[in-house]
Amino acid sequence: MGAIGYILLFVGALAGGFVSGLAGFGTALMALGIWLYILPPSVAVPLVLICSVVAQSATLPSMWKSFDLTLVWPMAFGFGGRIADGIIGFIGGILGGLAGLSGPPPILWASVRGWGKDERRGVFQTFNWTVLFAALCLQAASGLVAREVIWLAALAFPATILGSWIGARLYHALSDRNFRDVVLGMLVVSGLTLIWNSLR
């Protein structure tokens, strides 16, 4: 990989970390759009799983007190009296395992349920961390995390952590309504980007 490749690796890690720090999800939505220009999917997907777990872990301490874990458990583990939450969690888990895209189903579901900023963030971040960590462990156990991925992840760590720190600071400054608008706007932009990339 040349100089441009390393720049795009850094930019993707910074953008993915920022969005994850801001919204509690989105590393894959931002980073894959950049990294797939320079990396094959077999390297980009495990790399995005690693960076997602790093970004989620870096911001958990500053968010933990505001999380309502009773909303997270049905999605993360598919049990309890909330069958619909479990179904949404299952769909997010499938997408998380395939491409690190566990966030969109719970995000849309949170909008339907009318949850506030902290409730949404708690669900997004805790659910995404759980699903993406499990997907990363399964890929590592299957031998899909090659040395190249580990090396690229080590290079991407500083940008991922810096981006997540900046995003988390912005999150604390947003109101409920602004947070909702930012999250839904990010979904629209990421969806359009994925459509554009597939049509290209």
Protein backbone atom coordinates (compact mmCIF):
# COMPACT_ATOMS: atom_id res chain seq x y z
CA MET A 1 0.00 0.00 0.00
CA GLY A 2 1.37 3.40 -0.97
CA ALA A 3 1.19 6.80 0.71
CA ILE A 4 -2.34 7.46 -0.59
CA GLY A 5 -3.45 4.12 0.86
CA TYR A 6 -2.12 5.00 4.31
CA ILE A 7 -3.78 8.42 4.15
CA LEU A 8 -7.11 6.79 3.28
CA LEU A 9 -6.61 4.27 6.09
CA PHE A 10 -6.13 7.17 8.53
CA VAL A 11 -9.08 9.17 7.12
CA GLY A 12 -11.38 6.13 7.28
CA ALA A 13 -10.33 5.37 10.85
CA LEU A 14 -10.81 9.01 11.92
CA ALA A 15 -14.22 9.29 10.21
CA GLY A 16 -15.39 5.92 11.57
CA GLY A 17 -14.21 6.74 15.08
CA PHE A 18 -15.85 10.18 14.97
CA VAL A 19 -19.22 8.84 13.88
CA SER A 20 -19.07 6.04 16.44
CA GLY A 21 -18.18 8.52 19.19
CA LEU A 22 -21.00 10.82 18.11
CA ALA A 23 -23.79 8.30 17.59
CA GLY A 24 -22.71 5.03 19.24
CA PHE A 25 -22.63 3.26 15.87
CA GLY A 26 -21.44 3.89 12.33
CA THR A 27 -17.77 2.91 12.12
CA ALA A 28 -18.56 0.50 9.28
CA LEU A 29 -20.87 2.94 7.53
CA MET A 30 -18.11 5.55 7.31
CA ALA A 31 -14.90 3.54 7.17
CA LEU A 32 -15.95 0.86 4.68
CA GLY A 33 -16.90 3.51 2.13
CA ILE A 34 -13.29 4.73 2.23
CA TRP A 35 -11.37 1.53 2.93
CA LEU A 36 -12.96 -0.51 0.14
CA TYR A 37 -11.13 1.75 -2.33
CA ILE A 38 -7.78 0.47 -1.03
CA LEU A 39 -8.50 -2.88 0.67
CA PRO A 40 -10.28 -6.06 -0.36
CA PRO A 41 -13.42 -6.93 1.64
CA SER A 42 -11.58 -9.86 3.27
CA VAL A 43 -9.28 -7.32 4.95
CA ALA A 44 -11.65 -4.34 5.29
CA VAL A 45 -14.43 -6.17 7.16
CA PRO A 46 -12.30 -7.62 10.00
CA LEU A 47 -10.46 -4.29 10.19
CA VAL A 48 -13.74 -2.41 10.62
CA LEU A 49 -14.83 -4.88 13.31
CA ILE A 50 -11.63 -4.24 15.26
CA CYS A 51 -11.91 -0.45 14.90
CA SER A 52 -15.60 -0.56 15.84
CA VAL A 53 -14.87 -2.42 19.07
CA VAL A 54 -12.01 -0.01 19.84
CA ALA A 55 -14.18 3.08 19.20
CA GLN A 56 -17.08 1.67 21.24
CA SER A 57 -14.78 0.69 24.11
CA ALA A 58 -13.05 4.08 24.14
CA THR A 59 -16.31 5.97 24.72
CA LEU A 60 -18.13 3.54 27.04
CA PRO A 61 -16.73 5.00 30.29
CA SER A 62 -18.06 8.48 29.54
CA MET A 63 -21.53 7.19 28.57
CA TRP A 64 -22.12 4.27 30.93
CA LYS A 65 -24.05 6.12 33.66
CA SER A 66 -26.76 7.27 31.23
CA PHE A 67 -27.49 3.81 29.77
CA ASP A 68 -30.73 1.96 30.54
CA LEU A 69 -29.63 -1.67 30.24
CA THR A 70 -33.22 -2.95 30.47
CA LEU A 71 -33.67 -1.65 26.90
CA VAL A 72 -30.48 -3.32 25.66
CA TRP A 73 -30.86 -6.90 26.93
CA PRO A 74 -33.78 -7.91 24.67
CA MET A 75 -31.90 -6.72 21.58
CA ALA A 76 -28.51 -8.07 22.54
CA PHE A 77 -29.69 -11.50 23.66
CA GLY A 78 -33.19 -11.87 22.14
CA PHE A 79 -35.00 -12.74 25.40
CA GLY A 80 -37.56 -11.09 27.65
CA GLY A 81 -41.09 -9.92 26.97
CA ARG A 82 -40.09 -7.70 24.08
CA ILE A 83 -40.28 -10.08 21.15
CA ALA A 84 -40.05 -7.28 18.58
CA ASP A 85 -36.88 -5.94 20.25
CA GLY A 86 -35.39 -9.42 20.03
CA ILE A 87 -36.27 -9.71 16.33
CA ILE A 88 -34.67 -6.34 15.59
CA GLY A 89 -31.60 -7.40 17.56
CA PHE A 90 -31.41 -10.64 15.59
CA ILE A 91 -31.53 -8.77 12.27
CA GLY A 92 -28.85 -6.35 13.51
CA GLY A 93 -26.75 -9.30 14.64
CA ILE A 94 -26.90 -10.89 11.18
CA LEU A 95 -25.84 -7.62 9.52
CA GLY A 96 -23.11 -7.12 12.13
CA GLY A 97 -21.65 -10.54 11.45
CA LEU A 98 -21.74 -10.08 7.69
CA ALA A 99 -20.25 -6.61 7.36
CA GLY A 100 -20.06 -4.87 10.75
CA LEU A 101 -23.36 -3.07 10.00
CA SER A 102 -25.28 -3.95 13.15
CA GLY A 103 -26.54 -0.39 13.78
CA PRO A 104 -29.26 0.45 11.23
CA PRO A 105 -32.07 -1.89 12.43
CA PRO A 106 -31.88 -0.79 16.11
CA ILE A 107 -31.56 2.86 15.05
CA LEU A 108 -34.73 2.77 13.00
CA TRP A 109 -36.48 0.79 15.74
CA ALA A 110 -35.46 3.37 18.37
CA SER A 111 -37.11 6.06 16.25
CA VAL A 112 -40.32 4.02 16.09
CA ARG A 113 -40.23 3.45 19.87
CA GLY A 114 -39.70 7.18 20.55
CA TRP A 115 -36.69 6.75 22.85
CA GLY A 116 -34.73 9.81 24.00
CA LYS A 117 -31.09 10.65 23.28
CA ASP A 118 -29.51 8.74 26.19
CA GLU A 119 -31.81 5.74 25.74
CA ARG A 120 -30.96 5.53 22.05
CA ARG A 121 -27.26 5.94 22.64
CA GLY A 122 -27.27 3.29 25.34
CA VAL A 123 -29.01 0.82 23.06
CA PHE A 124 -26.90 1.63 19.99
CA GLN A 125 -23.56 1.50 21.71
CA THR A 126 -24.08 -1.46 24.02
CA PHE A 127 -25.83 -3.53 21.34
CA ASN A 128 -23.22 -2.70 18.70
CA TRP A 129 -20.32 -3.43 21.03
CA THR A 130 -21.82 -6.82 21.94
CA VAL A 131 -22.60 -7.88 18.36
CA LEU A 132 -19.37 -6.58 16.83
CA PHE A 133 -17.18 -8.07 19.57
CA ALA A 134 -18.87 -11.45 19.06
CA ALA A 135 -18.42 -11.17 15.27
CA LEU A 136 -14.75 -10.26 15.71
CA CYS A 137 -14.18 -13.25 18.02
CA LEU A 138 -15.85 -15.59 15.55
CA GLN A 139 -13.80 -14.24 12.64
CA ALA A 140 -10.59 -14.54 14.66
CA ALA A 141 -11.46 -18.11 15.68
CA SER A 142 -12.16 -18.94 12.02
CA GLY A 143 -8.77 -17.61 10.93
CA LEU A 144 -10.22 -14.67 9.02
CA VAL A 145 -8.18 -12.05 10.90
CA ALA A 146 -4.84 -12.17 9.08
CA ARG A 147 -1.58 -10.53 10.15
CA GLU A 148 -2.19 -7.76 7.63
CA VAL A 149 -5.44 -6.89 9.42
CA ILE A 150 -3.66 -6.72 12.79
CA TRP A 151 -0.96 -4.47 11.32
CA LEU A 152 -3.50 -2.15 9.69
CA ALA A 153 -5.57 -2.06 12.89
CA ALA A 154 -2.48 -1.01 14.87
CA LEU A 155 -1.95 1.82 12.38
CA ALA A 156 -5.63 2.83 12.55
CA PHE A 157 -5.93 2.79 16.39
CA PRO A 158 -4.75 6.37 17.03
CA ALA A 159 -7.10 7.86 14.43
CA THR A 160 -10.00 5.71 15.63
CA ILE A 161 -9.54 6.75 19.25
CA LEU A 162 -9.05 10.43 18.36
CA GLY A 163 -12.17 10.41 16.17
CA SER A 164 -14.27 8.69 18.84
CA TRP A 165 -13.09 11.17 21.49
CA ILE A 166 -14.07 14.17 19.32
CA GLY A 167 -17.42 12.56 18.42
CA ALA A 168 -18.23 11.83 22.08
CA ARG A 169 -17.57 15.46 23.03
CA LEU A 170 -19.99 16.60 20.32
CA TYR A 171 -22.60 14.05 21.47
CA HIS A 172 -22.69 15.60 24.94
CA ALA A 173 -23.40 19.01 23.39
CA LEU A 174 -26.40 17.84 21.32
CA SER A 175 -30.05 18.09 22.37
CA ASP A 176 -32.47 15.16 21.99
CA ARG A 177 -33.85 16.55 18.75
CA ASN A 178 -30.45 17.40 17.29
CA PHE A 179 -29.19 13.90 18.12
CA ARG A 180 -32.20 12.30 16.41
CA ASP A 181 -31.70 14.46 13.31
CA VAL A 182 -27.97 13.70 13.15
CA VAL A 183 -28.54 9.94 13.47
CA LEU A 184 -31.26 9.80 10.84
CA GLY A 185 -29.22 12.07 8.55
CA MET A 186 -26.23 9.76 8.91
CA LEU A 187 -28.37 6.78 7.92
CA VAL A 188 -29.61 8.57 4.80
CA VAL A 189 -26.11 9.65 3.75
CA SER A 190 -24.62 6.23 4.40
CA GLY A 191 -27.44 4.52 2.50
CA LEU A 192 -26.94 6.82 -0.48
CA THR A 193 -23.18 6.20 -0.34
CA LEU A 194 -23.67 2.43 -0.35
CA ILE A 195 -26.08 2.70 -3.30
CA TRP A 196 -23.64 4.94 -5.17
CA ASN A 197 -20.74 2.53 -4.55
CA SER A 198 -22.79 -0.45 -5.75
CA LEU A 199 -23.87 1.36 -8.92
CA ARG A 200 -20.33 2.50 -9.70
